[in-house]
Protein backbone atom coordinates (compact mmCIF):
# COMPACT_ATOMS: atom_id res chain seq x y z
CA MET A 1 1.05 -0.50 4.17
CA ARG A 2 -1.81 -1.57 2.12
CA ALA A 3 -1.60 -4.46 -0.25
CA LYS A 4 -2.07 -1.99 -3.15
CA SER A 5 0.85 -0.03 -2.05
CA LEU A 6 3.50 0.55 -4.65
CA ARG A 7 6.10 0.56 -1.88
CA LEU A 8 5.07 -2.75 -0.58
CA ARG A 9 4.88 -4.27 -4.17
CA LEU A 10 8.49 -3.02 -4.86
CA PHE A 11 9.76 -4.42 -1.56
CA VAL A 12 8.06 -7.83 -1.88
CA ALA A 13 9.51 -7.90 -5.44
CA ALA A 14 13.02 -6.98 -4.24
CA ALA A 15 12.74 -9.57 -1.23
CA ILE A 16 11.63 -12.39 -3.56
CA SER A 17 14.32 -11.61 -5.96
CA LEU A 18 17.06 -11.27 -3.19
CA ILE A 19 15.83 -14.54 -1.55
CA ILE A 20 15.94 -16.42 -4.78
CA ALA A 21 19.41 -15.00 -5.59
CA LEU A 22 20.85 -15.79 -2.28
CA PHE A 23 19.35 -19.29 -2.26
CA VAL A 24 21.02 -20.07 -5.66
CA ALA A 25 24.32 -18.39 -4.66
CA GLY A 26 24.30 -20.44 -1.31
CA THR A 27 23.39 -23.69 -3.15
CA GLY A 28 26.14 -22.99 -5.56
CA LEU A 29 28.70 -22.16 -2.94
CA VAL A 30 27.97 -25.47 -1.00
CA SER A 31 28.24 -27.37 -4.08
CA VAL A 32 31.48 -25.75 -5.16
CA PHE A 33 32.80 -26.42 -1.56
CA GLU A 34 31.66 -30.09 -1.73
CA ARG A 35 33.40 -30.65 -5.10
CA TYR A 36 36.53 -29.01 -3.50
CA VAL A 37 36.39 -31.20 -0.31
CA VAL A 38 36.00 -34.33 -2.61
CA ARG A 39 39.13 -33.20 -4.67
CA ARG A 40 40.92 -32.64 -1.60
CA VAL A 41 40.02 -36.13 -0.05
CA GLY A 42 40.83 -37.75 -3.42
CA ILE A 43 44.44 -36.02 -3.19
CA GLU A 44 44.64 -37.17 0.48
CA LEU A 45 43.75 -40.73 -0.32
CA ASP A 46 45.98 -40.78 -3.45
CA THR A 47 48.85 -39.64 -1.01
CA TYR A 48 48.00 -42.71 1.19
CA ILE A 49 48.17 -44.90 -1.80
CA ARG A 50 51.68 -43.58 -2.80
CA GLN A 51 52.86 -44.32 0.78
CA LEU A 52 51.40 -47.82 0.55
CA ALA A 53 53.19 -48.42 -2.88
CA ALA A 54 56.41 -47.10 -1.31
CA ASN A 55 56.33 -49.36 1.69
CA VAL A 56 54.78 -52.53 0.68
CA SER A 57 56.93 -55.58 -0.39
CA VAL A 58 56.07 -59.16 -1.74
CA ASN A 59 57.72 -61.97 0.10
CA PRO A 60 59.17 -64.97 -1.78
CA ASP A 61 56.31 -67.03 -0.81
CA GLY A 62 53.92 -64.49 -2.44
CA SER A 63 52.69 -62.89 0.84
CA LEU A 64 52.41 -59.19 1.21
CA GLN A 65 54.22 -57.16 3.67
CA LEU A 66 53.90 -53.40 4.83
CA ASN A 67 57.24 -52.40 6.00
CA ARG A 68 56.17 -49.15 7.55
CA PRO A 69 52.81 -48.39 8.79
CA LEU A 70 50.90 -45.23 7.67
CA ALA A 71 51.25 -42.35 10.10
CA ASP A 72 47.45 -41.76 10.43
CA PRO A 73 46.42 -43.46 13.80
CA ARG A 74 42.97 -43.93 12.41
CA PHE A 75 44.24 -46.83 10.17
CA ASP A 76 44.80 -48.78 13.54
CA GLN A 77 41.46 -47.90 15.02
CA PRO A 78 38.67 -50.65 14.02
CA LEU A 79 35.79 -49.05 12.09
CA SER A 80 37.40 -45.58 12.18
CA GLY A 81 36.16 -44.40 8.76
CA LEU A 82 39.62 -44.33 7.26
CA TYR A 83 40.77 -47.56 5.52
CA TRP A 84 43.42 -49.12 3.13
CA GLN A 85 43.73 -52.37 1.24
CA ILE A 86 46.09 -54.03 -1.05
CA VAL A 87 45.06 -57.07 -3.36
CA ASP A 88 47.30 -59.16 -5.61
CA ASP A 89 45.42 -59.63 -8.91
CA ALA A 90 46.96 -62.93 -9.62
CA SER A 91 46.91 -64.73 -6.19
CA GLY A 92 44.17 -62.76 -4.69
CA VAL A 93 46.41 -62.26 -1.52
CA LYS A 94 44.97 -59.33 0.47
CA LEU A 95 46.51 -56.91 3.00
CA ARG A 96 44.34 -54.63 4.90
CA SER A 97 44.52 -51.95 7.54
CA ARG A 98 43.28 -52.84 11.05
CA SER A 99 40.61 -50.34 10.88
CA LEU A 100 38.84 -52.53 8.33
CA TRP A 101 38.72 -55.45 10.92
CA ASP A 102 37.33 -58.39 9.11
CA HIS A 103 35.71 -56.64 6.30
CA VAL A 104 36.93 -56.48 2.61
CA ILE A 105 36.32 -53.74 0.32
CA ASP A 106 34.45 -55.32 -2.59
CA LEU A 107 35.99 -53.41 -5.52
CA PRO A 108 34.30 -53.37 -8.91
CA GLN A 109 35.64 -55.28 -11.83
CA ASP A 110 36.55 -52.38 -13.96
CA VAL A 111 39.55 -51.91 -16.17
CA LEU A 112 42.19 -50.14 -14.24
CA GLU A 113 45.28 -49.21 -16.18
CA PRO A 114 48.62 -48.77 -14.21
CA GLY A 115 49.21 -45.17 -12.91
CA ILE A 116 45.49 -44.38 -13.33
CA VAL A 117 43.31 -43.38 -10.22
CA HIS A 118 39.65 -44.49 -9.98
CA HIS A 119 37.07 -43.00 -7.44
CA HIS A 120 34.20 -45.02 -6.38
CA ASP A 121 31.29 -44.97 -3.73
CA LEU A 122 31.20 -48.29 -2.11
CA PRO A 123 29.62 -49.80 0.93
CA GLY A 124 31.85 -49.84 4.05
CA PRO A 125 32.26 -52.31 7.01
CA SER A 126 29.24 -50.75 8.98
CA GLY A 127 27.15 -50.19 5.99
CA GLU A 128 28.25 -46.68 5.42
CA THR A 129 29.21 -45.26 2.12
CA LEU A 130 32.90 -45.05 1.31
CA PHE A 131 34.64 -42.68 -0.91
CA VAL A 132 37.10 -45.10 -2.44
CA SER A 133 40.33 -44.24 -4.32
CA GLU A 134 42.28 -47.14 -6.07
CA ARG A 135 45.40 -47.53 -8.29
CA ARG A 136 47.16 -50.47 -9.91
CA VAL A 137 50.88 -50.77 -9.24
CA ILE A 138 53.17 -53.19 -11.11
CA TYR A 139 56.10 -54.83 -9.15
CA THR A 140 58.74 -57.28 -10.42
CA VAL A 141 59.91 -59.58 -7.96
CA ALA A 142 62.54 -62.32 -8.79
CA GLY A 143 61.65 -61.92 -12.48
CA VAL A 144 57.78 -62.36 -11.77
CA THR A 145 55.51 -59.41 -12.41
CA ARG A 146 53.08 -58.87 -9.71
CA ARG A 147 49.93 -56.45 -10.05
CA LEU A 148 48.83 -55.08 -6.78
CA ARG A 149 45.45 -53.04 -6.55
CA MET A 150 45.98 -50.52 -3.90
CA THR A 151 42.90 -48.77 -2.35
CA ALA A 152 42.39 -46.03 0.19
CA ALA A 153 38.93 -45.14 1.41
CA LEU A 154 37.21 -42.56 3.77
CA ASP A 155 33.70 -42.60 5.11
CA ARG A 156 31.53 -40.00 3.18
CA LYS A 157 30.00 -38.91 6.55
CA GLU A 158 33.04 -36.78 6.99
CA ILE A 159 32.46 -35.12 3.59
CA ILE A 160 28.79 -34.62 4.51
CA ALA A 161 29.66 -33.20 7.78
CA ALA A 162 32.19 -30.65 6.28
CA ARG A 163 29.65 -29.76 3.72
CA SER A 164 26.96 -29.28 6.43
CA GLU A 165 29.13 -27.32 8.63
CA PHE A 166 30.10 -25.06 5.59
CA ALA A 167 26.44 -24.70 4.74
CA GLY A 168 25.57 -23.47 8.21
CA ASP A 169 28.23 -20.90 8.24
CA VAL A 170 27.13 -19.76 4.72
CA GLY A 171 23.67 -19.87 5.50
CA LEU A 172 24.12 -17.51 8.61
CA SER A 173 26.38 -15.27 6.49
CA LEU A 174 23.80 -15.04 3.71
CA ALA A 175 21.03 -14.49 6.24
CA ILE A 176 22.94 -11.42 7.64
CA LEU A 177 23.63 -10.19 4.01
CA ALA A 178 19.91 -10.59 3.12
CA VAL A 179 18.86 -8.41 6.17
CA VAL A 180 21.52 -5.75 5.17
CA LEU A 181 20.36 -5.97 1.51
CA LEU A 182 16.71 -5.70 2.34
CA LEU A 183 17.29 -2.71 4.53
CA ALA A 184 19.29 -1.18 1.58
CA ALA A 185 16.41 -2.07 -0.85
CA TRP A 186 13.78 -0.48 1.59
CA GLY A 187 15.94 2.61 1.78
CA GLN A 188 16.31 2.72 -2.17
CA ILE A 189 12.55 2.29 -2.48
CA ALA A 190 11.80 5.04 -0.01
CA ILE A 191 14.25 7.54 -1.78
CA GLY A 192 13.05 6.48 -5.15
CA LEU A 193 9.40 7.03 -4.18
CA ARG A 194 10.07 10.28 -2.34
CA PRO A 195 9.15 12.34 -5.48
CA LEU A 196 5.75 10.71 -5.56
CA GLU A 197 5.22 11.99 -1.92
CA ALA A 198 6.04 15.47 -3.29
CA LEU A 199 3.51 14.81 -6.11
CA ARG A 200 0.78 13.90 -3.61
CA ARG A 201 1.31 17.13 -1.64
CA SER A 202 1.17 19.27 -4.84
CA VAL A 203 -2.11 17.44 -6.02
CA ASN A 204 -3.44 18.07 -2.44
CA ALA A 205 -2.56 21.58 -2.67
CA VAL A 206 -4.42 21.87 -6.07
CA ARG A 207 -7.40 20.20 -4.47
CA ALA A 208 -7.27 22.68 -1.55
CA GLY A 209 -7.17 25.59 -3.93
CA GLU A 210 -3.80 26.66 -2.74
CA GLN A 211 -2.30 26.31 -6.38
CA LYS A 212 -3.71 26.02 -9.83
CA ALA A 213 -1.23 23.39 -11.18
CA ILE A 214 1.02 20.62 -9.80
CA ALA A 215 4.30 22.26 -9.09
CA VAL A 216 6.68 19.21 -9.37
CA ASP A 217 9.97 19.45 -11.56
CA GLU A 218 11.57 16.02 -10.79
CA PRO A 219 12.13 13.35 -11.57
CA GLU A 220 12.08 13.07 -15.21
CA GLU A 221 10.07 9.79 -15.24
CA ILE A 222 6.95 11.40 -13.74
CA MET A 223 7.24 14.71 -15.71
CA PRO A 224 5.00 13.55 -18.64
CA LEU A 225 2.45 12.59 -16.21
CA VAL A 226 2.61 15.87 -14.41
CA ALA A 227 2.46 17.73 -17.83
CA GLU A 228 -0.70 15.71 -18.64
CA VAL A 229 -2.40 16.37 -15.38
CA ASN A 230 -1.69 20.02 -15.65
CA SER A 231 -3.24 20.08 -19.16
CA LEU A 232 -6.18 18.34 -17.79
CA LEU A 233 -6.54 20.89 -14.81
CA ASP A 234 -6.20 23.70 -17.22
CA ALA A 235 -8.74 22.32 -19.53
CA LYS A 236 -11.15 21.59 -16.62
CA ALA A 237 -10.57 25.18 -15.34
CA LYS A 238 -11.37 26.58 -18.76
CA ALA A 239 -14.51 24.32 -19.14
CA ILE A 240 -15.77 25.43 -15.75
CA GLU A 241 -15.35 29.07 -16.55
CA THR A 242 -17.03 28.60 -19.88
CA ALA A 243 -19.79 26.75 -18.16
CA LYS A 244 -20.16 29.49 -15.47
CA ALA A 245 -20.16 32.04 -18.32
CA ARG A 246 -22.88 30.36 -20.10
CA ALA A 247 -25.03 29.72 -16.96
CA ALA A 248 -24.60 33.36 -16.22
CA ASP A 249 -25.69 34.42 -19.64
CA LEU A 250 -28.66 32.11 -19.62
CA ALA A 251 -29.77 33.60 -16.22
CA HIS A 252 -29.40 37.04 -17.55
CA GLY A 253 -31.26 36.17 -20.72
CA LEU A 254 -34.19 34.68 -18.66
CA LYS A 255 -34.53 37.56 -16.29
CA THR A 256 -36.28 39.79 -18.98
CA PRO A 257 -38.85 37.09 -19.89
CA LEU A 258 -39.51 36.30 -16.15
CA THR A 259 -40.10 40.03 -15.46
CA VAL A 260 -42.36 40.27 -18.26
CA LEU A 261 -44.05 37.06 -17.17
CA ALA A 262 -44.46 38.76 -13.67
CA THR A 263 -45.69 41.91 -15.12
CA ASP A 264 -48.35 40.03 -17.16
CA ALA A 265 -49.41 38.22 -14.04
CA GLU A 266 -50.05 41.46 -12.35
CA ARG A 267 -52.01 42.93 -15.04
CA LEU A 268 -54.20 39.77 -15.14
CA ARG A 269 -54.77 40.15 -11.55
CA ARG A 270 -55.95 43.72 -11.90
CA LYS A 271 -58.38 42.46 -14.57
CA GLY A 272 -59.73 40.09 -12.18
CA GLU A 273 -58.04 36.88 -13.51
CA THR A 274 -56.50 36.03 -10.11
CA GLU A 275 -56.28 32.35 -10.60
CA ILE A 276 -54.42 32.60 -13.84
CA ALA A 277 -52.23 35.38 -12.27
CA ASP A 278 -51.40 33.22 -9.38
CA GLU A 279 -50.26 30.42 -11.55
CA LEU A 280 -48.08 32.63 -13.65
CA GLN A 281 -46.57 34.26 -10.78
CA ASP A 282 -45.88 30.93 -9.00
CA LEU A 283 -44.28 29.67 -12.29
CA ALA A 284 -42.11 32.80 -12.52
CA PHE A 285 -41.09 32.51 -8.88
CA GLY A 286 -40.21 28.73 -9.22
CA MET A 287 -38.14 29.42 -12.40
CA ARG A 288 -36.27 32.15 -10.57
CA ARG A 289 -35.51 30.02 -7.65
CA LEU A 290 -34.50 27.04 -9.97
CA ILE A 291 -32.04 29.46 -11.76
CA ASN A 292 -30.52 30.62 -8.46
CA HIS A 293 -30.16 26.90 -7.49
CA GLU A 294 -28.34 25.91 -10.54
CA LEU A 295 -26.10 29.04 -10.39
CA SER A 296 -25.13 28.20 -6.69
CA ARG A 297 -24.26 24.48 -7.74
CA ALA A 298 -22.07 25.65 -10.46
CA ARG A 299 -20.39 28.07 -8.14
CA LEU A 300 -19.96 25.31 -5.58
CA GLN A 301 -18.52 22.80 -8.19
CA SER A 302 -15.80 25.26 -8.97
CA ALA A 303 -14.94 26.16 -5.47
CA PRO A 304 -11.78 24.94 -3.94
CA GLY A 305 -13.40 23.06 -1.20
CA MET A 306 -11.67 24.58 1.72
CA ALA A 307 -11.13 28.26 3.03
CA LYS A 308 -7.72 29.16 4.13
CA GLU A 309 -8.91 31.46 6.80
CA GLY A 310 -11.86 31.15 9.11
CA ILE A 311 -14.61 33.64 9.54
CA ALA A 312 -16.53 34.73 12.64
CA ILE A 313 -19.86 33.03 12.22
CA ARG A 314 -21.67 35.26 14.81
CA ASN A 315 -20.99 38.31 12.32
CA VAL A 316 -22.63 36.45 9.49
CA ILE A 317 -25.63 35.37 11.36
CA GLU A 318 -26.32 38.86 12.87
CA SER A 319 -26.08 40.28 9.38
CA ILE A 320 -28.78 37.61 8.17
CA ILE A 321 -31.14 38.32 11.09
CA ARG A 322 -31.01 42.12 10.22
CA THR A 323 -32.04 41.33 6.89
CA LEU A 324 -34.76 38.84 7.70
CA SER A 325 -36.08 41.26 10.43
CA ARG A 326 -37.21 43.70 7.78
CA SER A 327 -39.60 41.24 6.52
CA PRO A 328 -43.26 41.17 7.80
CA LYS A 329 -42.91 37.74 9.51
CA GLY A 330 -39.20 38.13 10.46
CA SER A 331 -40.05 41.15 12.42
CA ARG A 332 -42.38 39.33 14.67
CA ILE A 333 -39.82 36.48 15.45
CA SER A 334 -37.94 36.35 18.76
CA TRP A 335 -34.33 35.64 17.89
CA ARG A 336 -32.15 33.66 20.35
CA VAL A 337 -28.60 33.77 19.30
CA GLU A 338 -26.22 31.55 21.50
CA VAL A 339 -23.09 31.91 19.32
CA SER A 340 -19.55 33.04 20.77
CA THR A 341 -17.83 35.82 18.97
CA GLU A 342 -14.80 33.33 18.90
CA ALA A 343 -16.88 30.69 16.80
CA VAL A 344 -14.89 30.46 13.66
CA ALA A 345 -15.91 28.47 10.51
CA TYR A 346 -13.56 27.63 7.75
CA ILE A 347 -15.91 28.40 4.86
CA SER A 348 -15.89 31.26 2.43
CA PRO A 349 -18.11 34.34 3.43
CA GLU A 350 -20.08 33.89 0.30
CA ASP A 351 -21.14 30.25 1.14
CA ALA A 352 -21.68 31.03 4.85
CA THR A 353 -23.97 33.73 4.01
CA GLU A 354 -26.02 31.51 1.54
CA LEU A 355 -25.90 28.52 3.83
CA LEU A 356 -27.13 30.30 6.94
CA GLY A 357 -29.41 32.56 4.97
CA VAL A 358 -31.34 29.41 3.61
CA LEU A 359 -31.55 27.73 6.92
CA LEU A 360 -32.67 30.76 8.79
CA ASP A 361 -35.19 31.77 6.23
CA ASN A 362 -36.78 28.23 6.30
CA ALA A 363 -36.88 28.58 10.02
CA VAL A 364 -38.51 31.95 9.74
CA LYS A 365 -41.19 30.65 7.33
CA TRP A 366 -42.25 27.71 9.59
CA SER A 367 -41.78 29.11 13.06
CA ASN A 368 -44.44 30.60 15.25
CA MET A 369 -42.80 32.82 17.67
CA GLU A 370 -39.10 31.96 18.13
CA VAL A 371 -35.94 30.83 16.29
CA ARG A 372 -32.79 29.67 18.15
CA ILE A 373 -29.33 29.57 16.72
CA ALA A 374 -26.43 28.05 18.62
CA ALA A 375 -22.86 27.23 17.58
CA GLN A 376 -20.00 25.77 19.40
CA GLY A 377 -16.77 23.77 18.85
CA GLU A 378 -12.89 24.16 18.75
CA ASN A 379 -11.62 22.20 15.95
CA GLY A 380 -14.82 22.20 14.00
CA LEU A 381 -18.05 23.90 14.30
CA ARG A 382 -21.44 22.68 15.19
CA ILE A 383 -24.24 24.91 14.17
CA VAL A 384 -27.95 24.19 15.54
CA ILE A 385 -30.99 26.06 14.21
CA GLU A 386 -34.34 25.34 15.79
CA ASP A 387 -37.87 26.70 15.30
CA ASP A 388 -41.02 26.24 17.06
CA GLY A 389 -43.12 25.45 14.05
CA PRO A 390 -45.10 22.31 13.24
CA GLY A 391 -42.04 20.37 12.46
CA VAL A 392 -42.03 17.17 10.48
CA SER A 393 -42.84 13.51 11.28
CA PRO A 394 -40.10 11.01 12.05
CA ASP A 395 -40.80 9.27 8.56
CA GLN A 396 -40.36 12.50 6.80
CA ILE A 397 -36.95 13.08 8.56
CA GLU A 398 -35.99 9.58 7.60
CA LYS A 399 -36.65 10.29 4.02
CA LEU A 400 -34.82 13.61 4.29
CA GLY A 401 -31.69 11.75 5.26
CA GLN A 402 -31.81 9.14 2.39
CA ARG A 403 -29.23 9.67 -0.25
CA GLY A 404 -30.63 10.76 -3.62
CA VAL A 405 -33.84 12.18 -2.29
CA ARG A 406 -34.20 15.95 -2.91
CA LEU A 407 -35.13 17.83 0.05
CA ASP A 408 -37.54 19.92 -2.00
CA GLU A 409 -39.34 16.81 -3.09
CA ALA A 410 -39.50 15.17 0.30
CA THR A 411 -41.72 17.66 1.99
CA GLU A 412 -44.15 20.00 0.46
CA GLY A 413 -43.09 23.78 1.05
CA TRP A 414 -39.57 23.13 1.66
CA GLY A 415 -38.49 24.35 -1.94
CA LEU A 416 -34.86 24.19 -3.12
CA GLY A 417 -33.38 25.89 0.03
CA LEU A 418 -32.23 22.84 1.88
CA SER A 419 -30.98 21.42 -1.16
CA ILE A 420 -28.77 24.21 -1.71
CA ALA A 421 -27.52 24.23 1.91
CA ALA A 422 -26.95 20.38 1.57
CA ASP A 423 -24.66 21.05 -1.28
CA ILE A 424 -22.77 23.83 0.37
CA VAL A 425 -21.98 21.64 3.42
CA GLU A 426 -21.09 18.58 1.35
CA ALA A 427 -18.68 20.68 -0.65
CA TYR A 428 -16.92 21.54 2.57
CA GLY A 429 -16.83 18.01 3.73
CA GLY A 430 -19.44 18.71 6.46
CA GLN A 431 -22.54 17.01 7.48
CA MET A 432 -26.16 18.29 7.95
CA ASP A 433 -28.75 16.41 10.04
CA PHE A 434 -32.46 16.97 10.66
CA GLY A 435 -34.46 16.28 13.91
CA VAL A 436 -37.37 17.29 16.03
CA ARG A 437 -37.27 20.03 18.58
CA ALA A 438 -39.15 19.30 21.79
CA PRO A 439 -41.91 19.67 22.35
CA HIS A 440 -42.63 20.71 18.83
CA GLY A 441 -40.58 22.28 15.91
CA PHE A 442 -37.82 21.44 13.68
CA GLN A 443 -34.26 21.35 14.16
CA VAL A 444 -31.17 21.36 11.71
CA THR A 445 -27.62 20.59 12.88
CA VAL A 446 -24.63 21.48 10.61
CA LEU A 447 -21.22 20.09 11.32
CA LEU A 448 -18.29 21.95 9.57
CA PRO A 449 -14.94 20.43 10.14
CA GLY A 450 -11.98 22.43 11.34
CA LEU A 451 -8.96 23.42 9.35
CA ALA A 452 -6.64 20.56 10.55
CA LYS A 453 -9.42 17.90 10.01
CA LYS A 454 -10.25 19.28 6.44
CA ILE A 455 -6.46 18.88 5.56
CA SER A 456 -6.39 15.46 6.85
CA LYS A 457 -9.50 14.33 5.07
CA MET A 458 -8.24 15.85 1.84
CA SER A 459 -4.94 14.12 2.29
CA ARG A 460 -6.65 10.83 2.69
CA GLY A 461 -8.71 11.48 -0.35
CA SER A 462 -5.70 12.15 -2.41
CA GLU A 463 -4.07 8.87 -1.23
CA ARG A 464 -7.10 6.91 -2.22
CA ASP A 465 -7.14 8.54 -5.72
């Protein structure tokens, strides 16, 4: 997938949204779990305080005594992380769990109403942070009121450990969920964009000339686009037909003046004005060739760009050779045809005739004694036409290969023929190269793609569009 792919963009957007949503959800779940654990710990510590309140007694001498130890063995294990402490507000007498060892929990001097539970984060005996729950309980002993501040505390590391374990489990679960949701998102994107693939194939069929309009009827979201493109195709087809009709009308309208011009040139020649007659005849001939060239270009621009069925290229070559052999120079040429009867070109018969006719006519014009035609290839056709004429220099060949240089302007005497041939080859996605035939002469190589390669090239072209 390329960076400009709509499928990739949608998937990246879905992945980013999903990751953000799962991250927020995971953070929220961990936070909720931590608050739940803190509440549970607070309830548990409050239970210990209630047990302390039920089992503590004040001796006549003012000392405190726990009649029944708490059940959790961690209270008896030094620095275990679970502690309790009782302080007499009046006398300052303290009673502590063995787990506190010689440490005293330094409680804040806050106002603590009887029966109200306060929670604090305070330093512990080993420098750890304790989650402390405290409550004030009032006793009356021998008519004397005693206020006891009872405290139970738990190392916050246990809360953090529980939160970390929960976060790990949630993270793993959310990661699996993310993979499942990303796969589901990819499937949704693939299914959602499938109509675009049908649209691409339909556009490719229009490009290939297999249909005149885009034949897609769903989904509704792209139908306005399809309608606009079909309207554009229809308008383009009408514009091309109008342009072709006007070009044909123009060519037909110029035939009579050109004929009159040629007739006048012949009359001047009979009167002895040969120089003027030659100029008029060359002018008329050049205008006729220019008109034919532009008509050929107009026809190629409206052509589909690919023939559905191949033609036997040898039959076309032999037909052109029979025609050229009737000319004075063509009758003196030795023709070497090295083309198999199975050689096939995916090009319309009209374009094949015009292409090879131009190239063979050019070869006849410049050759001395021989013209060679060879063709070979399976998935694609390579046609080589050689003559034994004077050829062209390497610098002229390089100019012929430059983009934007007209072949008829690059070398004197080439005329518009090779320009027409180049247009035909380009219209069918082929390639035409020029070279030197050893020991002397000129060589033209035409590469025409096969049907599968042409379809592949057109498909890639529609994807780039």
